[in-house]
Amino acid sequence: MKESMANPLHLKSLNHISLICRSVEESINFYQNVLGFVPIRRPGSFDFDGAWLFGYGIGIHLLQSEDPENMPKKTEINPKDNHISFQCESMGAVEKKLKEMELKYKRSMVEEGGIHVDQLFFHDPDGFMIEICDCDNLPVVPIAGGMARACSLVNLPRLQQPQQPQIRVIQQ
């Protein structure tokens, strides 16, 4: 596959997602205390209320809604809705913590070839869906062939291009 087709925009990684909030303060509390994100400095030149948080290699940019009272509120947890997914170390520990926090959630499971992936879905304060999963159990297998890898080990450009031997020169 030509390099331009494999990565036409020369992308490196996901940088951030932006979410419009009813209350930036309430959303900061959720993303910091439930998901473990850390507030980071936001450019002072912005002339609108918001906050930036960082964790797990990605940023979450919270934007204060200009009309918070008229934002639609999702109440039904639908695993087929837009969401962001995080892998976890222990599904049992996550479920226990969600119960302690009294967060409403929905369990789901994916089965493929005898492999099971457990999923927990819940909403942030504004109804944006969060998924927690043990997706590393399910291998990522490129459609065009290539080697299967776990989600956390996938580097798609590497899968799409032939591996080149690496030569290290050590000077003495």
N, C-alpha and C. Protein backbone atom coordinates (compact mmCIF):
# COMPACT_ATOMS: atom_id res chain seq x y z
N MET A 1 0.85 -1.18 0.00
CA MET A 1 0.00 0.00 0.00
C MET A 1 0.90 1.24 0.00
N LYS A 2 0.60 2.20 -0.84
CA LYS A 2 1.38 3.42 -0.91
C LYS A 2 1.24 4.20 0.38
N GLU A 3 2.32 4.86 0.78
CA GLU A 3 2.31 5.62 2.03
C GLU A 3 1.22 6.68 2.03
N SER A 4 1.03 7.35 0.89
CA SER A 4 0.02 8.40 0.83
C SER A 4 -1.38 7.86 1.07
N MET A 5 -1.64 6.61 0.70
CA MET A 5 -2.95 6.01 0.91
C MET A 5 -3.09 5.52 2.36
N ALA A 6 -2.01 5.05 2.95
CA ALA A 6 -2.06 4.51 4.31
C ALA A 6 -2.24 5.63 5.33
N ASN A 7 -1.67 6.78 5.08
CA ASN A 7 -1.76 7.90 6.00
C ASN A 7 -1.75 9.20 5.20
N PRO A 8 -2.82 9.48 4.46
CA PRO A 8 -2.81 10.61 3.53
C PRO A 8 -2.58 11.96 4.19
N LEU A 9 -2.95 12.13 5.45
CA LEU A 9 -2.76 13.41 6.13
C LEU A 9 -1.57 13.40 7.08
N HIS A 10 -0.80 12.31 7.07
CA HIS A 10 0.39 12.18 7.92
C HIS A 10 0.05 12.36 9.40
N LEU A 11 -1.03 11.71 9.83
CA LEU A 11 -1.47 11.81 11.22
C LEU A 11 -0.55 11.01 12.12
N LYS A 12 -0.44 11.46 13.39
CA LYS A 12 0.41 10.78 14.36
C LYS A 12 -0.40 10.14 15.48
N SER A 13 -1.42 10.83 15.97
CA SER A 13 -2.20 10.30 17.09
C SER A 13 -3.45 11.15 17.29
N LEU A 14 -4.35 10.65 18.15
CA LEU A 14 -5.49 11.44 18.57
C LEU A 14 -4.98 12.46 19.58
N ASN A 15 -5.36 13.73 19.41
CA ASN A 15 -4.90 14.78 20.32
C ASN A 15 -5.92 15.06 21.40
N HIS A 16 -7.16 15.37 21.02
CA HIS A 16 -8.18 15.68 22.02
C HIS A 16 -9.57 15.51 21.45
N ILE A 17 -10.54 15.47 22.35
CA ILE A 17 -11.94 15.56 21.96
C ILE A 17 -12.49 16.80 22.66
N SER A 18 -13.43 17.46 22.04
CA SER A 18 -14.09 18.63 22.63
C SER A 18 -15.52 18.28 22.95
N LEU A 19 -15.95 18.69 24.12
CA LEU A 19 -17.31 18.42 24.57
C LEU A 19 -17.95 19.70 25.08
N ILE A 20 -19.16 19.98 24.62
CA ILE A 20 -19.91 21.14 25.09
C ILE A 20 -20.63 20.74 26.37
N CYS A 21 -20.54 21.60 27.39
CA CYS A 21 -21.05 21.27 28.73
C CYS A 21 -22.09 22.27 29.21
N ARG A 22 -23.01 21.79 30.03
CA ARG A 22 -23.92 22.68 30.75
C ARG A 22 -23.15 23.46 31.79
N SER A 23 -22.26 22.74 32.49
CA SER A 23 -21.45 23.34 33.55
C SER A 23 -20.03 22.81 33.45
N VAL A 24 -19.09 23.70 33.11
CA VAL A 24 -17.69 23.30 33.00
C VAL A 24 -17.21 22.74 34.33
N GLU A 25 -17.61 23.37 35.44
CA GLU A 25 -17.15 22.93 36.76
C GLU A 25 -17.62 21.51 37.06
N GLU A 26 -18.88 21.21 36.75
CA GLU A 26 -19.41 19.86 37.00
C GLU A 26 -18.70 18.83 36.11
N SER A 27 -18.41 19.20 34.88
CA SER A 27 -17.71 18.30 33.97
C SER A 27 -16.26 18.10 34.40
N ILE A 28 -15.59 19.15 34.85
CA ILE A 28 -14.22 19.00 35.38
C ILE A 28 -14.23 17.99 36.52
N ASN A 29 -15.17 18.14 37.43
CA ASN A 29 -15.27 17.23 38.57
C ASN A 29 -15.44 15.78 38.08
N PHE A 30 -16.31 15.55 37.11
CA PHE A 30 -16.53 14.20 36.59
C PHE A 30 -15.26 13.63 35.95
N TYR A 31 -14.68 14.37 35.01
CA TYR A 31 -13.52 13.84 34.28
C TYR A 31 -12.29 13.69 35.18
N GLN A 32 -12.19 14.53 36.19
CA GLN A 32 -11.08 14.43 37.12
C GLN A 32 -11.30 13.32 38.15
N ASN A 33 -12.47 13.29 38.79
CA ASN A 33 -12.69 12.38 39.91
C ASN A 33 -13.23 11.01 39.52
N VAL A 34 -13.89 10.89 38.38
CA VAL A 34 -14.40 9.59 37.94
C VAL A 34 -13.40 8.92 37.00
N LEU A 35 -12.87 9.67 36.02
CA LEU A 35 -12.00 9.07 35.01
C LEU A 35 -10.51 9.33 35.24
N GLY A 36 -10.15 10.22 36.16
CA GLY A 36 -8.75 10.41 36.48
C GLY A 36 -7.98 11.36 35.58
N PHE A 37 -8.68 12.22 34.84
CA PHE A 37 -7.99 13.22 34.01
C PHE A 37 -7.47 14.34 34.90
N VAL A 38 -6.45 15.03 34.42
CA VAL A 38 -5.81 16.10 35.18
C VAL A 38 -6.03 17.43 34.45
N PRO A 39 -6.52 18.46 35.15
CA PRO A 39 -6.65 19.76 34.50
C PRO A 39 -5.28 20.30 34.09
N ILE A 40 -5.22 20.88 32.89
CA ILE A 40 -3.98 21.46 32.39
C ILE A 40 -4.25 22.90 31.95
N ARG A 41 -3.16 23.64 31.77
CA ARG A 41 -3.27 25.04 31.36
C ARG A 41 -3.92 25.16 29.99
N ARG A 42 -4.78 26.13 29.88
CA ARG A 42 -5.52 26.43 28.65
C ARG A 42 -5.08 27.82 28.19
N PRO A 43 -4.95 28.03 26.88
CA PRO A 43 -4.52 29.34 26.41
C PRO A 43 -5.38 30.47 26.96
N GLY A 44 -4.74 31.49 27.49
CA GLY A 44 -5.45 32.63 28.07
C GLY A 44 -6.11 33.52 27.05
N SER A 45 -5.78 33.33 25.78
CA SER A 45 -6.37 34.18 24.74
C SER A 45 -7.80 33.79 24.39
N PHE A 46 -8.27 32.63 24.90
CA PHE A 46 -9.65 32.24 24.62
C PHE A 46 -10.60 33.21 25.31
N ASP A 47 -11.64 33.63 24.59
CA ASP A 47 -12.61 34.56 25.16
C ASP A 47 -13.94 33.86 25.50
N PHE A 48 -13.85 32.58 25.83
CA PHE A 48 -15.02 31.81 26.22
C PHE A 48 -14.61 30.86 27.34
N ASP A 49 -15.59 30.49 28.16
CA ASP A 49 -15.34 29.64 29.32
C ASP A 49 -15.11 28.20 28.88
N GLY A 50 -14.17 27.55 29.52
CA GLY A 50 -13.88 26.16 29.21
C GLY A 50 -12.75 25.66 30.09
N ALA A 51 -12.32 24.45 29.86
CA ALA A 51 -11.22 23.85 30.60
C ALA A 51 -10.59 22.76 29.75
N TRP A 52 -9.32 22.53 29.98
CA TRP A 52 -8.61 21.45 29.31
C TRP A 52 -8.17 20.45 30.37
N LEU A 53 -8.32 19.18 30.03
CA LEU A 53 -7.86 18.10 30.90
C LEU A 53 -7.03 17.14 30.05
N PHE A 54 -6.15 16.39 30.70
CA PHE A 54 -5.30 15.46 29.97
C PHE A 54 -5.16 14.16 30.75
N GLY A 55 -5.16 13.04 30.03
CA GLY A 55 -4.92 11.74 30.64
C GLY A 55 -4.92 10.66 29.58
N TYR A 56 -4.17 9.60 29.84
CA TYR A 56 -4.16 8.42 28.98
C TYR A 56 -3.74 8.77 27.54
N GLY A 57 -2.94 9.81 27.40
CA GLY A 57 -2.43 10.18 26.09
C GLY A 57 -3.35 11.05 25.26
N ILE A 58 -4.50 11.46 25.80
CA ILE A 58 -5.41 12.33 25.04
C ILE A 58 -5.90 13.48 25.91
N GLY A 59 -6.33 14.54 25.25
CA GLY A 59 -6.90 15.68 25.95
C GLY A 59 -8.42 15.68 25.81
N ILE A 60 -9.05 16.26 26.82
CA ILE A 60 -10.48 16.53 26.74
C ILE A 60 -10.63 18.03 26.92
N HIS A 61 -11.23 18.68 25.94
CA HIS A 61 -11.45 20.12 25.99
C HIS A 61 -12.93 20.35 26.27
N LEU A 62 -13.20 20.94 27.41
CA LEU A 62 -14.57 21.23 27.81
C LEU A 62 -14.91 22.64 27.39
N LEU A 63 -16.06 22.81 26.77
CA LEU A 63 -16.52 24.12 26.30
C LEU A 63 -17.86 24.43 26.95
N GLN A 64 -17.95 25.60 27.58
CA GLN A 64 -19.21 26.00 28.21
C GLN A 64 -20.25 26.29 27.14
N SER A 65 -21.41 25.66 27.26
CA SER A 65 -22.50 25.90 26.33
C SER A 65 -22.96 27.36 26.43
N GLU A 66 -23.29 27.94 25.29
CA GLU A 66 -23.85 29.30 25.28
C GLU A 66 -25.30 29.30 25.71
N ASP A 67 -25.95 28.12 25.69
CA ASP A 67 -27.35 28.00 26.08
C ASP A 67 -27.54 26.70 26.86
N PRO A 68 -26.99 26.62 28.06
CA PRO A 68 -27.00 25.35 28.81
C PRO A 68 -28.39 24.83 29.14
N GLU A 69 -29.35 25.72 29.32
CA GLU A 69 -30.71 25.27 29.67
C GLU A 69 -31.40 24.52 28.53
N ASN A 70 -30.98 24.78 27.31
CA ASN A 70 -31.62 24.14 26.16
C ASN A 70 -30.80 22.99 25.56
N MET A 71 -29.75 22.57 26.27
CA MET A 71 -29.00 21.41 25.80
C MET A 71 -29.84 20.15 25.99
N PRO A 72 -29.91 19.28 24.97
CA PRO A 72 -30.66 18.04 25.15
C PRO A 72 -29.99 17.16 26.21
N LYS A 73 -30.80 16.47 26.98
CA LYS A 73 -30.27 15.60 28.03
C LYS A 73 -30.60 14.16 27.66
N LYS A 74 -29.56 13.33 27.51
CA LYS A 74 -29.76 11.92 27.23
C LYS A 74 -29.89 11.19 28.56
N THR A 75 -30.88 10.35 28.65
CA THR A 75 -31.06 9.57 29.87
C THR A 75 -30.87 8.08 29.61
N GLU A 76 -31.25 7.61 28.42
CA GLU A 76 -31.10 6.19 28.10
C GLU A 76 -29.64 5.90 27.74
N ILE A 77 -29.09 4.86 28.33
CA ILE A 77 -27.73 4.44 28.00
C ILE A 77 -27.83 3.48 26.81
N ASN A 78 -27.33 3.93 25.68
CA ASN A 78 -27.40 3.16 24.44
C ASN A 78 -25.98 2.89 23.94
N PRO A 79 -25.48 1.65 24.09
CA PRO A 79 -24.12 1.34 23.65
C PRO A 79 -23.84 1.63 22.18
N LYS A 80 -24.89 1.82 21.38
CA LYS A 80 -24.69 2.12 19.95
C LYS A 80 -24.66 3.63 19.68
N ASP A 81 -24.63 4.43 20.74
CA ASP A 81 -24.56 5.88 20.58
C ASP A 81 -23.09 6.31 20.50
N ASN A 82 -22.86 7.58 20.11
CA ASN A 82 -21.50 8.11 20.10
C ASN A 82 -20.89 7.95 21.49
N HIS A 83 -19.62 7.56 21.54
CA HIS A 83 -18.96 7.41 22.83
C HIS A 83 -17.45 7.41 22.65
N ILE A 84 -16.78 7.56 23.77
CA ILE A 84 -15.33 7.39 23.83
C ILE A 84 -15.09 6.20 24.74
N SER A 85 -14.12 5.37 24.38
CA SER A 85 -13.89 4.13 25.10
C SER A 85 -12.49 4.12 25.72
N PHE A 86 -12.43 3.62 26.95
CA PHE A 86 -11.16 3.47 27.68
C PHE A 86 -10.99 2.01 28.05
N GLN A 87 -9.78 1.51 27.89
CA GLN A 87 -9.45 0.18 28.36
C GLN A 87 -9.09 0.27 29.84
N CYS A 88 -9.37 -0.80 30.56
CA CYS A 88 -9.06 -0.79 31.99
C CYS A 88 -8.26 -2.03 32.37
N GLU A 89 -7.75 -2.01 33.58
CA GLU A 89 -7.00 -3.15 34.10
C GLU A 89 -7.92 -4.20 34.68
N SER A 90 -9.04 -3.79 35.29
CA SER A 90 -9.93 -4.72 35.97
C SER A 90 -11.38 -4.27 35.83
N MET A 91 -12.16 -5.02 35.09
CA MET A 91 -13.57 -4.68 34.92
C MET A 91 -14.31 -4.77 36.26
N GLY A 92 -13.93 -5.73 37.09
CA GLY A 92 -14.55 -5.87 38.41
C GLY A 92 -14.33 -4.64 39.27
N ALA A 93 -13.11 -4.12 39.24
CA ALA A 93 -12.80 -2.91 40.03
C ALA A 93 -13.57 -1.71 39.51
N VAL A 94 -13.70 -1.60 38.19
CA VAL A 94 -14.45 -0.48 37.60
C VAL A 94 -15.92 -0.56 38.01
N GLU A 95 -16.50 -1.75 37.87
CA GLU A 95 -17.92 -1.90 38.21
C GLU A 95 -18.15 -1.60 39.70
N LYS A 96 -17.26 -2.06 40.54
CA LYS A 96 -17.39 -1.79 41.99
C LYS A 96 -17.35 -0.28 42.25
N LYS A 97 -16.42 0.41 41.59
CA LYS A 97 -16.29 1.86 41.78
C LYS A 97 -17.51 2.61 41.26
N LEU A 98 -18.04 2.21 40.12
CA LEU A 98 -19.24 2.85 39.58
C LEU A 98 -20.41 2.69 40.54
N LYS A 99 -20.54 1.50 41.15
CA LYS A 99 -21.60 1.28 42.14
C LYS A 99 -21.40 2.18 43.36
N GLU A 100 -20.15 2.28 43.84
CA GLU A 100 -19.85 3.14 44.99
C GLU A 100 -20.19 4.59 44.69
N MET A 101 -19.93 5.03 43.46
CA MET A 101 -20.21 6.41 43.05
C MET A 101 -21.68 6.61 42.69
N GLU A 102 -22.45 5.52 42.71
CA GLU A 102 -23.86 5.53 42.36
C GLU A 102 -24.10 6.08 40.95
N LEU A 103 -23.21 5.69 40.03
CA LEU A 103 -23.36 6.06 38.63
C LEU A 103 -24.15 4.96 37.93
N LYS A 104 -25.19 5.36 37.22
CA LYS A 104 -26.00 4.42 36.45
C LYS A 104 -25.18 3.95 35.25
N TYR A 105 -25.14 2.64 35.03
CA TYR A 105 -24.37 2.10 33.91
C TYR A 105 -25.09 0.90 33.31
N LYS A 106 -24.60 0.50 32.14
CA LYS A 106 -25.16 -0.66 31.46
C LYS A 106 -24.01 -1.58 31.08
N ARG A 107 -24.18 -2.87 31.36
CA ARG A 107 -23.19 -3.88 30.98
C ARG A 107 -23.49 -4.38 29.57
N SER A 108 -22.43 -4.74 28.86
CA SER A 108 -22.57 -5.36 27.56
C SER A 108 -21.37 -6.28 27.36
N MET A 109 -21.48 -7.16 26.38
CA MET A 109 -20.38 -8.07 26.10
C MET A 109 -20.32 -8.36 24.62
N VAL A 110 -19.10 -8.40 24.10
CA VAL A 110 -18.87 -8.75 22.70
C VAL A 110 -18.17 -10.11 22.71
N GLU A 111 -18.62 -11.00 21.83
CA GLU A 111 -17.98 -12.31 21.72
C GLU A 111 -17.58 -12.50 20.27
N GLU A 112 -16.34 -12.89 20.09
CA GLU A 112 -15.84 -13.13 18.73
C GLU A 112 -14.86 -14.29 18.80
N GLY A 113 -15.21 -15.39 18.17
CA GLY A 113 -14.31 -16.54 18.10
C GLY A 113 -13.89 -17.07 19.46
N GLY A 114 -14.81 -17.06 20.41
CA GLY A 114 -14.49 -17.57 21.75
C GLY A 114 -13.85 -16.55 22.67
N ILE A 115 -13.58 -15.36 22.16
CA ILE A 115 -12.99 -14.29 22.98
C ILE A 115 -14.12 -13.39 23.45
N HIS A 116 -14.11 -13.06 24.73
CA HIS A 116 -15.14 -12.20 25.31
C HIS A 116 -14.55 -10.86 25.72
N VAL A 117 -15.25 -9.79 25.36
CA VAL A 117 -14.88 -8.44 25.77
C VAL A 117 -16.04 -7.88 26.58
N ASP A 118 -15.77 -7.55 27.83
CA ASP A 118 -16.78 -6.94 28.69
C ASP A 118 -16.75 -5.43 28.52
N GLN A 119 -17.93 -4.82 28.59
CA GLN A 119 -18.06 -3.38 28.42
C GLN A 119 -19.01 -2.83 29.47
N LEU A 120 -18.70 -1.64 29.96
CA LEU A 120 -19.59 -0.88 30.84
C LEU A 120 -19.79 0.48 30.21
N PHE A 121 -21.04 0.92 30.08
CA PHE A 121 -21.37 2.20 29.47
C PHE A 121 -22.07 3.08 30.49
N PHE A 122 -21.72 4.36 30.52
CA PHE A 122 -22.38 5.34 31.38
C PHE A 122 -22.20 6.72 30.78
N HIS A 123 -22.94 7.69 31.31
CA HIS A 123 -22.91 9.05 30.78
C HIS A 123 -22.09 9.98 31.66
N ASP A 124 -21.53 11.00 31.02
CA ASP A 124 -20.95 12.11 31.77
C ASP A 124 -22.11 13.02 32.16
N PRO A 125 -21.85 14.13 32.88
CA PRO A 125 -22.97 14.98 33.33
C PRO A 125 -23.86 15.54 32.22
N ASP A 126 -23.34 15.58 30.98
CA ASP A 126 -24.11 16.14 29.87
C ASP A 126 -24.66 15.08 28.94
N GLY A 127 -24.54 13.82 29.31
CA GLY A 127 -25.11 12.74 28.50
C GLY A 127 -24.16 12.17 27.47
N PHE A 128 -22.90 12.61 27.45
CA PHE A 128 -21.95 12.01 26.52
C PHE A 128 -21.57 10.64 27.05
N MET A 129 -21.58 9.62 26.18
CA MET A 129 -21.36 8.24 26.59
C MET A 129 -19.88 7.94 26.79
N ILE A 130 -19.62 7.23 27.88
CA ILE A 130 -18.29 6.72 28.20
C ILE A 130 -18.39 5.20 28.22
N GLU A 131 -17.42 4.54 27.62
CA GLU A 131 -17.33 3.07 27.68
C GLU A 131 -16.03 2.72 28.38
N ILE A 132 -16.11 1.74 29.26
CA ILE A 132 -14.92 1.14 29.86
C ILE A 132 -14.94 -0.31 29.44
N CYS A 133 -13.81 -0.83 28.95
CA CYS A 133 -13.80 -2.19 28.43
C CYS A 133 -12.47 -2.88 28.71
N ASP A 134 -12.47 -4.18 28.46
CA ASP A 134 -11.22 -4.95 28.44
C ASP A 134 -10.96 -5.36 26.99
N CYS A 135 -10.97 -4.35 26.12
CA CYS A 135 -10.85 -4.57 24.67
C CYS A 135 -9.53 -5.18 24.25
N ASP A 136 -8.53 -5.15 25.12
CA ASP A 136 -7.25 -5.77 24.78
C ASP A 136 -7.41 -7.27 24.54
N ASN A 137 -8.51 -7.86 25.03
CA ASN A 137 -8.76 -9.29 24.80
C ASN A 137 -9.05 -9.58 23.34
N LEU A 138 -9.55 -8.59 22.60
CA LEU A 138 -9.94 -8.79 21.21
C LEU A 138 -8.81 -8.32 20.30
N PRO A 139 -8.23 -9.22 19.52
CA PRO A 139 -7.13 -8.80 18.66
C PRO A 139 -7.60 -7.87 17.54
N VAL A 140 -6.73 -6.97 17.14
CA VAL A 140 -6.98 -6.08 16.01
C VAL A 140 -6.32 -6.73 14.80
N VAL A 141 -7.13 -7.15 13.83
CA VAL A 141 -6.63 -7.84 12.66
C VAL A 141 -6.96 -7.00 11.44
N PRO A 142 -5.95 -6.46 10.76
CA PRO A 142 -6.21 -5.66 9.56
C PRO A 142 -6.96 -6.48 8.51
N ILE A 143 -7.91 -5.85 7.83
CA ILE A 143 -8.69 -6.53 6.80
C ILE A 143 -7.79 -6.98 5.66
N ALA A 144 -6.77 -6.19 5.33
CA ALA A 144 -5.90 -6.50 4.20
C ALA A 144 -4.77 -7.45 4.60
N GLY A 145 -4.92 -8.15 5.71
CA GLY A 145 -3.86 -9.06 6.14
C GLY A 145 -2.95 -8.39 7.14
N GLY A 146 -1.91 -9.03 7.47
CA GLY A 146 -1.00 -8.49 8.47
C GLY A 146 -1.14 -9.24 9.77
N MET A 147 -0.36 -8.85 10.74
CA MET A 147 -0.31 -9.55 12.01
C MET A 147 -1.35 -9.02 12.98
N ALA A 148 -2.00 -9.92 13.70
CA ALA A 148 -2.95 -9.54 14.73
C ALA A 148 -2.21 -9.01 15.94
N ARG A 149 -2.75 -7.97 16.55
CA ARG A 149 -2.16 -7.38 17.74
C ARG A 149 -3.28 -7.00 18.70
N ALA A 150 -2.90 -6.80 19.96
CA ALA A 150 -3.86 -6.29 20.94
C ALA A 150 -4.05 -4.81 20.69
N CYS A 151 -5.22 -4.27 21.07
CA CYS A 151 -5.53 -2.86 20.84
C CYS A 151 -4.43 -1.94 21.33
N SER A 152 -3.91 -2.17 22.52
CA SER A 152 -2.93 -1.25 23.10
C SER A 152 -1.58 -1.32 22.39
N LEU A 153 -1.37 -2.33 21.57
CA LEU A 153 -0.09 -2.47 20.88
C LEU A 153 -0.16 -2.11 19.41
N VAL A 154 -1.33 -1.70 18.95
CA VAL A 154 -1.52 -1.44 17.52
C VAL A 154 -0.85 -0.14 17.12
N ASN A 155 -0.15 -0.22 16.01
CA ASN A 155 0.40 0.94 15.34
C ASN A 155 0.05 0.73 13.88
N LEU A 156 -1.11 1.25 13.46
CA LEU A 156 -1.61 0.94 12.13
C LEU A 156 -0.63 1.26 11.00
N PRO A 157 0.07 2.40 11.02
CA PRO A 157 1.02 2.62 9.92
C PRO A 157 2.04 1.49 9.84
N ARG A 158 2.45 0.95 10.99
CA ARG A 158 3.41 -0.14 10.99
C ARG A 158 2.77 -1.40 10.42
N LEU A 159 1.49 -1.63 10.71
CA LEU A 159 0.81 -2.80 10.18
C LEU A 159 0.61 -2.70 8.67
N GLN A 160 0.44 -1.49 8.17
CA GLN A 160 0.12 -1.31 6.77
C GLN A 160 1.36 -1.30 5.88
N GLN A 161 2.53 -1.13 6.46
CA GLN A 161 3.75 -1.06 5.68
C GLN A 161 4.67 -2.21 6.08
N PRO A 162 5.44 -2.73 5.14
CA PRO A 162 6.35 -3.82 5.49
C PRO A 162 7.34 -3.37 6.57
N GLN A 163 7.64 -4.29 7.45
CA GLN A 163 8.60 -4.00 8.52
C GLN A 163 10.01 -3.91 7.92
N GLN A 164 10.73 -2.90 8.32
CA GLN A 164 12.11 -2.74 7.90
C GLN A 164 13.01 -3.16 9.05
N PRO A 165 14.04 -3.93 8.78
CA PRO A 165 14.95 -4.30 9.88
C PRO A 165 15.61 -3.05 10.43
N GLN A 166 15.75 -3.01 11.74
CA GLN A 166 16.39 -1.87 12.37
C GLN A 166 17.84 -2.21 12.67
N ILE A 167 18.74 -1.36 12.23
CA ILE A 167 20.17 -1.55 12.46
C ILE A 167 20.63 -0.47 13.41
N ARG A 168 21.25 -0.88 14.48
CA ARG A 168 21.77 0.06 15.45
C ARG A 168 23.27 0.08 15.38
N VAL A 169 23.85 1.25 15.24
CA VAL A 169 25.29 1.38 15.21
C VAL A 169 25.73 1.87 16.58
N ILE A 170 26.61 1.12 17.19
CA ILE A 170 27.13 1.50 18.50
C ILE A 170 28.57 1.93 18.31
N GLN A 171 28.82 3.19 18.66
CA GLN A 171 30.18 3.70 18.56
C GLN A 171 30.90 3.51 19.88
N GLN A 172 32.16 3.13 19.79
CA GLN A 172 32.94 2.93 21.01
C GLN A 172 34.03 3.96 21.13
